[in-house]
Amino acid sequence: MATRYIHTCYRIVDPEKSIEFYCDKLGMKRVGEMHFSDATNYFFAMEEDASEPMLELTHNHGRTEPYEMGNGYSHVAFLVDDLEGTVAGLKSGGVEIALEPKTMTVESHDYKIAFVVDPDGYRIELIERGTMKVGNIVQ
């Protein structure tokens, strides 16, 4: 069986705020929509051809109450070239910073991370490119 990972889905309350955050603040491209009678799904990717994994944001029509966020372990992550500069730019744009840039050491390897918060309260991890090591791969 050939399997390919294609997306992660979050539920959102205000599509306009979420679209602005993911497109204008994080640089994603809106690559599609699916309209159902009671919900609309919005799809985002880093490239417009959507051949890479996507983020799906589902807006349940009429929903105005925030969703339960849990303990923060449910999050998406992005590699960025300049962690401190990216966080400074997001902060000046009004984005909530959950964790300022910091260096963490795991298995004798340093990597730099920060967390920001999207309009619905989801945590977004930012990792400085070239500092994250998974197995033998440095991203």
N, C-alpha and C. Protein backbone atom coordinates (compact mmCIF):
# COMPACT_ATOMS: atom_id res chain seq x y z
N MET A 1 0.84 -1.18 0.00
CA MET A 1 0.00 0.00 0.00
C MET A 1 0.88 1.24 0.00
N ALA A 2 0.67 2.09 -0.95
CA ALA A 2 1.40 3.36 -1.01
C ALA A 2 0.65 4.38 -0.16
N THR A 3 1.34 4.96 0.80
CA THR A 3 0.73 5.92 1.71
C THR A 3 1.50 7.23 1.65
N ARG A 4 0.76 8.32 1.71
CA ARG A 4 1.38 9.64 1.69
C ARG A 4 0.64 10.55 2.66
N TYR A 5 1.39 11.21 3.53
CA TYR A 5 0.80 12.17 4.46
C TYR A 5 0.39 13.41 3.68
N ILE A 6 -0.87 13.90 3.90
CA ILE A 6 -1.32 15.05 3.10
C ILE A 6 -1.73 16.27 3.91
N HIS A 7 -2.30 16.10 5.12
CA HIS A 7 -2.67 17.31 5.85
C HIS A 7 -2.92 17.06 7.34
N THR A 8 -2.93 18.18 8.06
CA THR A 8 -3.34 18.24 9.46
C THR A 8 -4.52 19.19 9.49
N CYS A 9 -5.52 18.90 10.34
CA CYS A 9 -6.73 19.73 10.39
C CYS A 9 -6.92 20.31 11.78
N TYR A 10 -7.27 21.60 11.81
CA TYR A 10 -7.69 22.30 13.03
C TYR A 10 -9.06 22.89 12.78
N ARG A 11 -9.85 23.03 13.84
CA ARG A 11 -11.14 23.70 13.75
C ARG A 11 -10.97 25.16 14.15
N ILE A 12 -11.62 26.05 13.41
CA ILE A 12 -11.46 27.49 13.63
C ILE A 12 -12.82 28.16 13.82
N VAL A 13 -12.80 29.36 14.41
CA VAL A 13 -14.02 30.11 14.65
C VAL A 13 -14.20 31.25 13.63
N ASP A 14 -13.12 31.96 13.28
CA ASP A 14 -13.20 33.13 12.40
C ASP A 14 -12.29 32.92 11.18
N PRO A 15 -12.85 32.50 10.05
CA PRO A 15 -12.02 32.23 8.87
C PRO A 15 -11.16 33.41 8.42
N GLU A 16 -11.69 34.62 8.45
CA GLU A 16 -10.91 35.77 7.98
C GLU A 16 -9.65 35.96 8.82
N LYS A 17 -9.78 35.87 10.14
CA LYS A 17 -8.61 36.03 11.01
C LYS A 17 -7.59 34.91 10.75
N SER A 18 -8.08 33.70 10.59
CA SER A 18 -7.17 32.57 10.36
C SER A 18 -6.48 32.68 9.00
N ILE A 19 -7.22 33.07 7.97
CA ILE A 19 -6.62 33.23 6.64
C ILE A 19 -5.55 34.31 6.68
N GLU A 20 -5.84 35.42 7.34
CA GLU A 20 -4.84 36.49 7.46
C GLU A 20 -3.60 35.98 8.20
N PHE A 21 -3.79 35.27 9.30
CA PHE A 21 -2.66 34.78 10.08
C PHE A 21 -1.78 33.84 9.25
N TYR A 22 -2.37 32.80 8.67
CA TYR A 22 -1.57 31.80 7.97
C TYR A 22 -1.00 32.30 6.65
N CYS A 23 -1.72 33.17 5.97
CA CYS A 23 -1.20 33.70 4.70
C CYS A 23 -0.30 34.91 4.91
N ASP A 24 -0.81 35.93 5.56
CA ASP A 24 -0.06 37.18 5.69
C ASP A 24 1.07 37.11 6.70
N LYS A 25 0.88 36.41 7.79
CA LYS A 25 1.89 36.37 8.84
C LYS A 25 2.89 35.22 8.67
N LEU A 26 2.40 34.04 8.26
CA LEU A 26 3.30 32.88 8.12
C LEU A 26 3.69 32.57 6.68
N GLY A 27 3.10 33.25 5.72
CA GLY A 27 3.51 33.10 4.33
C GLY A 27 2.97 31.88 3.61
N MET A 28 1.92 31.26 4.15
CA MET A 28 1.33 30.12 3.45
C MET A 28 0.45 30.61 2.30
N LYS A 29 0.15 29.71 1.39
CA LYS A 29 -0.72 30.00 0.25
C LYS A 29 -2.04 29.27 0.45
N ARG A 30 -3.13 29.95 0.16
CA ARG A 30 -4.44 29.31 0.21
C ARG A 30 -4.61 28.54 -1.08
N VAL A 31 -4.73 27.21 -0.97
CA VAL A 31 -4.71 26.38 -2.17
C VAL A 31 -6.04 25.72 -2.50
N GLY A 32 -7.05 25.90 -1.65
CA GLY A 32 -8.34 25.33 -1.98
C GLY A 32 -9.34 25.46 -0.86
N GLU A 33 -10.60 25.13 -1.20
CA GLU A 33 -11.71 25.15 -0.25
C GLU A 33 -12.66 24.01 -0.60
N MET A 34 -13.35 23.51 0.42
CA MET A 34 -14.43 22.56 0.23
C MET A 34 -15.62 23.09 1.01
N HIS A 35 -16.78 23.20 0.34
CA HIS A 35 -17.97 23.75 0.98
C HIS A 35 -18.99 22.65 1.24
N PHE A 36 -19.36 22.50 2.50
CA PHE A 36 -20.37 21.55 2.92
C PHE A 36 -21.57 22.35 3.43
N SER A 37 -22.68 21.69 3.69
CA SER A 37 -23.85 22.42 4.16
C SER A 37 -23.62 23.06 5.52
N ASP A 38 -22.81 22.45 6.37
CA ASP A 38 -22.62 22.98 7.72
C ASP A 38 -21.18 23.39 8.04
N ALA A 39 -20.29 23.32 7.05
CA ALA A 39 -18.89 23.66 7.31
C ALA A 39 -18.18 24.03 6.01
N THR A 40 -17.09 24.77 6.16
CA THR A 40 -16.19 25.05 5.04
C THR A 40 -14.79 24.68 5.47
N ASN A 41 -14.09 23.95 4.62
CA ASN A 41 -12.70 23.58 4.88
C ASN A 41 -11.80 24.41 3.97
N TYR A 42 -10.80 25.04 4.58
CA TYR A 42 -9.82 25.86 3.86
C TYR A 42 -8.49 25.12 3.90
N PHE A 43 -7.79 25.07 2.76
CA PHE A 43 -6.52 24.35 2.67
C PHE A 43 -5.38 25.33 2.36
N PHE A 44 -4.26 25.13 3.06
CA PHE A 44 -3.09 25.99 2.92
C PHE A 44 -1.85 25.13 2.75
N ALA A 45 -0.89 25.65 1.98
CA ALA A 45 0.40 24.97 1.81
C ALA A 45 1.46 26.06 1.64
N MET A 46 2.69 25.66 1.73
CA MET A 46 3.77 26.64 1.54
C MET A 46 3.96 26.97 0.07
N GLU A 47 3.58 26.07 -0.81
CA GLU A 47 3.66 26.29 -2.26
C GLU A 47 2.27 26.17 -2.85
N GLU A 48 1.99 26.90 -3.90
CA GLU A 48 0.64 26.94 -4.47
C GLU A 48 0.21 25.66 -5.16
N ASP A 49 1.13 24.77 -5.52
CA ASP A 49 0.72 23.55 -6.23
C ASP A 49 0.15 22.50 -5.28
N ALA A 50 0.26 22.71 -3.99
CA ALA A 50 -0.32 21.83 -2.97
C ALA A 50 0.14 20.38 -3.09
N SER A 51 1.32 20.15 -3.63
CA SER A 51 1.83 18.79 -3.71
C SER A 51 2.49 18.37 -2.41
N GLU A 52 2.71 19.31 -1.51
CA GLU A 52 3.32 19.00 -0.22
C GLU A 52 2.22 18.94 0.83
N PRO A 53 2.52 18.52 2.05
CA PRO A 53 1.49 18.47 3.09
C PRO A 53 0.83 19.83 3.29
N MET A 54 -0.46 19.78 3.62
CA MET A 54 -1.26 20.99 3.77
C MET A 54 -1.77 21.11 5.20
N LEU A 55 -2.22 22.30 5.51
CA LEU A 55 -2.95 22.58 6.73
C LEU A 55 -4.40 22.79 6.32
N GLU A 56 -5.30 22.05 6.95
CA GLU A 56 -6.73 22.19 6.69
C GLU A 56 -7.36 22.88 7.89
N LEU A 57 -8.07 23.97 7.66
CA LEU A 57 -8.78 24.67 8.72
C LEU A 57 -10.27 24.53 8.46
N THR A 58 -10.99 23.97 9.41
CA THR A 58 -12.42 23.71 9.25
C THR A 58 -13.22 24.71 10.06
N HIS A 59 -14.10 25.44 9.36
CA HIS A 59 -15.01 26.38 10.02
C HIS A 59 -16.40 25.77 10.02
N ASN A 60 -16.89 25.43 11.23
CA ASN A 60 -18.26 24.93 11.37
C ASN A 60 -19.18 26.14 11.41
N HIS A 61 -20.03 26.26 10.40
CA HIS A 61 -20.90 27.43 10.27
C HIS A 61 -21.70 27.66 11.55
N GLY A 62 -21.74 28.91 11.98
CA GLY A 62 -22.50 29.27 13.17
C GLY A 62 -21.73 29.10 14.47
N ARG A 63 -20.55 28.52 14.43
CA ARG A 63 -19.77 28.32 15.66
C ARG A 63 -19.13 29.64 16.07
N THR A 64 -19.37 30.07 17.29
CA THR A 64 -18.78 31.30 17.79
C THR A 64 -17.96 31.09 19.05
N GLU A 65 -18.08 29.91 19.66
CA GLU A 65 -17.34 29.62 20.88
C GLU A 65 -16.00 28.97 20.54
N PRO A 66 -14.94 29.34 21.25
CA PRO A 66 -13.63 28.72 21.02
C PRO A 66 -13.67 27.22 21.31
N TYR A 67 -12.79 26.49 20.64
CA TYR A 67 -12.67 25.05 20.86
C TYR A 67 -11.69 24.78 21.99
N GLU A 68 -11.82 23.63 22.60
CA GLU A 68 -10.89 23.20 23.64
C GLU A 68 -9.51 23.00 23.01
N MET A 69 -8.47 23.60 23.59
CA MET A 69 -7.12 23.55 23.03
C MET A 69 -6.27 22.41 23.59
N GLY A 70 -6.64 21.86 24.71
CA GLY A 70 -5.80 20.82 25.30
C GLY A 70 -4.57 21.41 25.94
N ASN A 71 -3.50 20.63 25.98
CA ASN A 71 -2.31 21.04 26.73
C ASN A 71 -1.17 21.57 25.88
N GLY A 72 -1.41 21.87 24.62
CA GLY A 72 -0.39 22.48 23.78
C GLY A 72 0.46 21.50 22.99
N TYR A 73 0.28 20.19 23.21
CA TYR A 73 1.08 19.24 22.45
C TYR A 73 0.56 19.07 21.02
N SER A 74 -0.65 19.50 20.76
CA SER A 74 -1.16 19.49 19.39
C SER A 74 -0.75 20.80 18.75
N HIS A 75 0.19 20.72 17.83
CA HIS A 75 0.66 21.93 17.16
C HIS A 75 1.26 21.57 15.81
N VAL A 76 1.44 22.59 14.99
CA VAL A 76 2.17 22.42 13.73
C VAL A 76 3.47 23.19 13.87
N ALA A 77 4.45 22.84 13.06
CA ALA A 77 5.77 23.47 13.15
C ALA A 77 6.23 23.91 11.78
N PHE A 78 6.98 25.01 11.77
CA PHE A 78 7.54 25.57 10.54
C PHE A 78 9.03 25.82 10.75
N LEU A 79 9.82 25.52 9.73
CA LEU A 79 11.23 25.90 9.73
C LEU A 79 11.32 27.34 9.23
N VAL A 80 12.14 28.15 9.90
CA VAL A 80 12.34 29.54 9.47
C VAL A 80 13.84 29.80 9.40
N ASP A 81 14.26 30.70 8.52
CA ASP A 81 15.68 30.99 8.35
C ASP A 81 16.25 31.80 9.51
N ASP A 82 15.47 32.71 10.05
CA ASP A 82 15.95 33.61 11.11
C ASP A 82 14.89 33.64 12.21
N LEU A 83 15.08 32.81 13.23
CA LEU A 83 14.08 32.67 14.28
C LEU A 83 13.82 33.99 15.00
N GLU A 84 14.87 34.66 15.44
CA GLU A 84 14.69 35.90 16.20
C GLU A 84 14.02 36.97 15.35
N GLY A 85 14.43 37.10 14.09
CA GLY A 85 13.83 38.08 13.20
C GLY A 85 12.38 37.76 12.89
N THR A 86 12.09 36.48 12.69
CA THR A 86 10.72 36.07 12.41
C THR A 86 9.81 36.37 13.59
N VAL A 87 10.26 36.02 14.78
CA VAL A 87 9.45 36.27 15.98
C VAL A 87 9.28 37.77 16.20
N ALA A 88 10.32 38.56 16.01
CA ALA A 88 10.21 40.01 16.17
C ALA A 88 9.19 40.58 15.18
N GLY A 89 9.22 40.10 13.94
CA GLY A 89 8.26 40.58 12.94
C GLY A 89 6.83 40.19 13.28
N LEU A 90 6.64 38.96 13.75
CA LEU A 90 5.31 38.52 14.14
C LEU A 90 4.81 39.32 15.34
N LYS A 91 5.68 39.53 16.31
CA LYS A 91 5.30 40.29 17.51
C LYS A 91 4.89 41.72 17.12
N SER A 92 5.65 42.36 16.23
CA SER A 92 5.30 43.72 15.82
C SER A 92 4.01 43.75 15.02
N GLY A 93 3.62 42.59 14.44
CA GLY A 93 2.36 42.48 13.72
C GLY A 93 1.20 42.09 14.60
N GLY A 94 1.43 42.05 15.91
CA GLY A 94 0.34 41.76 16.83
C GLY A 94 0.13 40.30 17.17
N VAL A 95 1.03 39.43 16.75
CA VAL A 95 0.89 38.00 17.04
C VAL A 95 1.36 37.73 18.47
N GLU A 96 0.58 36.94 19.21
CA GLU A 96 0.94 36.56 20.57
C GLU A 96 2.11 35.58 20.53
N ILE A 97 3.10 35.83 21.37
CA ILE A 97 4.26 34.94 21.48
C ILE A 97 4.08 34.10 22.74
N ALA A 98 3.98 32.78 22.59
CA ALA A 98 3.80 31.89 23.73
C ALA A 98 5.14 31.52 24.36
N LEU A 99 6.18 31.44 23.55
CA LEU A 99 7.53 31.13 24.04
C LEU A 99 8.52 31.91 23.19
N GLU A 100 9.23 32.82 23.83
CA GLU A 100 10.26 33.59 23.14
C GLU A 100 11.35 32.64 22.62
N PRO A 101 12.11 33.06 21.60
CA PRO A 101 13.17 32.20 21.07
C PRO A 101 14.11 31.71 22.17
N LYS A 102 14.39 30.42 22.13
CA LYS A 102 15.31 29.86 23.10
C LYS A 102 16.05 28.69 22.46
N THR A 103 17.20 28.38 23.01
CA THR A 103 17.97 27.23 22.55
C THR A 103 17.73 26.09 23.52
N MET A 104 17.40 24.94 22.96
CA MET A 104 17.19 23.74 23.75
C MET A 104 18.26 22.73 23.36
N THR A 105 18.72 21.96 24.33
CA THR A 105 19.70 20.91 24.05
C THR A 105 19.02 19.56 24.27
N VAL A 106 19.03 18.76 23.22
CA VAL A 106 18.45 17.42 23.28
C VAL A 106 19.48 16.46 22.70
N GLU A 107 19.84 15.45 23.47
CA GLU A 107 20.82 14.46 23.02
C GLU A 107 22.08 15.12 22.49
N SER A 108 22.59 16.08 23.23
CA SER A 108 23.82 16.81 22.92
C SER A 108 23.74 17.65 21.65
N HIS A 109 22.53 17.96 21.19
CA HIS A 109 22.36 18.78 19.99
C HIS A 109 21.52 20.00 20.36
N ASP A 110 22.01 21.19 20.00
CA ASP A 110 21.27 22.43 20.26
C ASP A 110 20.33 22.73 19.10
N TYR A 111 19.10 23.09 19.44
CA TYR A 111 18.21 23.63 18.41
C TYR A 111 17.45 24.80 18.99
N LYS A 112 17.04 25.70 18.08
CA LYS A 112 16.40 26.94 18.48
C LYS A 112 14.92 26.90 18.11
N ILE A 113 14.07 27.20 19.11
CA ILE A 113 12.63 27.16 18.88
C ILE A 113 11.96 28.38 19.50
N ALA A 114 10.74 28.61 19.08
CA ALA A 114 9.83 29.58 19.68
C ALA A 114 8.42 29.07 19.39
N PHE A 115 7.45 29.56 20.14
CA PHE A 115 6.05 29.24 19.88
C PHE A 115 5.26 30.52 19.79
N VAL A 116 4.39 30.61 18.77
CA VAL A 116 3.45 31.71 18.65
C VAL A 116 2.04 31.11 18.71
N VAL A 117 1.04 31.99 18.78
CA VAL A 117 -0.34 31.55 18.94
C VAL A 117 -1.17 32.08 17.78
N ASP A 118 -1.96 31.20 17.15
CA ASP A 118 -2.81 31.65 16.05
C ASP A 118 -4.10 32.25 16.60
N PRO A 119 -4.98 32.79 15.74
CA PRO A 119 -6.19 33.47 16.23
C PRO A 119 -7.13 32.58 17.05
N ASP A 120 -7.06 31.26 16.89
CA ASP A 120 -7.92 30.36 17.65
C ASP A 120 -7.25 29.79 18.88
N GLY A 121 -6.00 30.19 19.14
CA GLY A 121 -5.30 29.72 20.32
C GLY A 121 -4.39 28.54 20.11
N TYR A 122 -4.29 28.05 18.86
CA TYR A 122 -3.39 26.94 18.59
C TYR A 122 -1.95 27.40 18.65
N ARG A 123 -1.09 26.57 19.18
CA ARG A 123 0.34 26.86 19.26
C ARG A 123 0.99 26.50 17.93
N ILE A 124 1.87 27.38 17.45
CA ILE A 124 2.64 27.18 16.23
C ILE A 124 4.10 27.19 16.63
N GLU A 125 4.80 26.08 16.37
CA GLU A 125 6.22 26.01 16.71
C GLU A 125 7.03 26.54 15.53
N LEU A 126 7.99 27.39 15.83
CA LEU A 126 8.93 27.90 14.84
C LEU A 126 10.31 27.35 15.21
N ILE A 127 10.98 26.75 14.24
CA ILE A 127 12.29 26.14 14.47
C ILE A 127 13.27 26.76 13.50
N GLU A 128 14.42 27.21 14.00
CA GLU A 128 15.40 27.81 13.11
C GLU A 128 16.01 26.73 12.21
N ARG A 129 15.95 27.00 10.91
CA ARG A 129 16.46 26.06 9.91
C ARG A 129 17.92 25.70 10.22
N GLY A 130 18.24 24.42 10.11
CA GLY A 130 19.60 23.96 10.33
C GLY A 130 19.91 23.62 11.78
N THR A 131 18.93 23.79 12.67
CA THR A 131 19.20 23.47 14.08
C THR A 131 18.45 22.26 14.59
N MET A 132 17.41 21.81 13.89
CA MET A 132 16.62 20.67 14.37
C MET A 132 17.21 19.38 13.83
N LYS A 133 17.47 18.44 14.71
CA LYS A 133 18.04 17.16 14.30
C LYS A 133 17.03 16.05 14.65
N VAL A 134 16.65 15.29 13.65
CA VAL A 134 15.77 14.14 13.83
C VAL A 134 16.51 12.95 13.25
N GLY A 135 16.91 12.02 14.12
CA GLY A 135 17.74 10.91 13.65
C GLY A 135 19.07 11.47 13.17
N ASN A 136 19.43 11.15 11.94
CA ASN A 136 20.66 11.66 11.34
C ASN A 136 20.44 12.86 10.44
N ILE A 137 19.20 13.36 10.41
CA ILE A 137 18.84 14.44 9.49
C ILE A 137 18.78 15.76 10.26
N VAL A 138 19.48 16.76 9.78
CA VAL A 138 19.38 18.10 10.35
C VAL A 138 18.52 18.92 9.40
N GLN A 139 17.45 19.48 9.94
CA GLN A 139 16.51 20.26 9.12
C GLN A 139 16.77 21.73 9.34
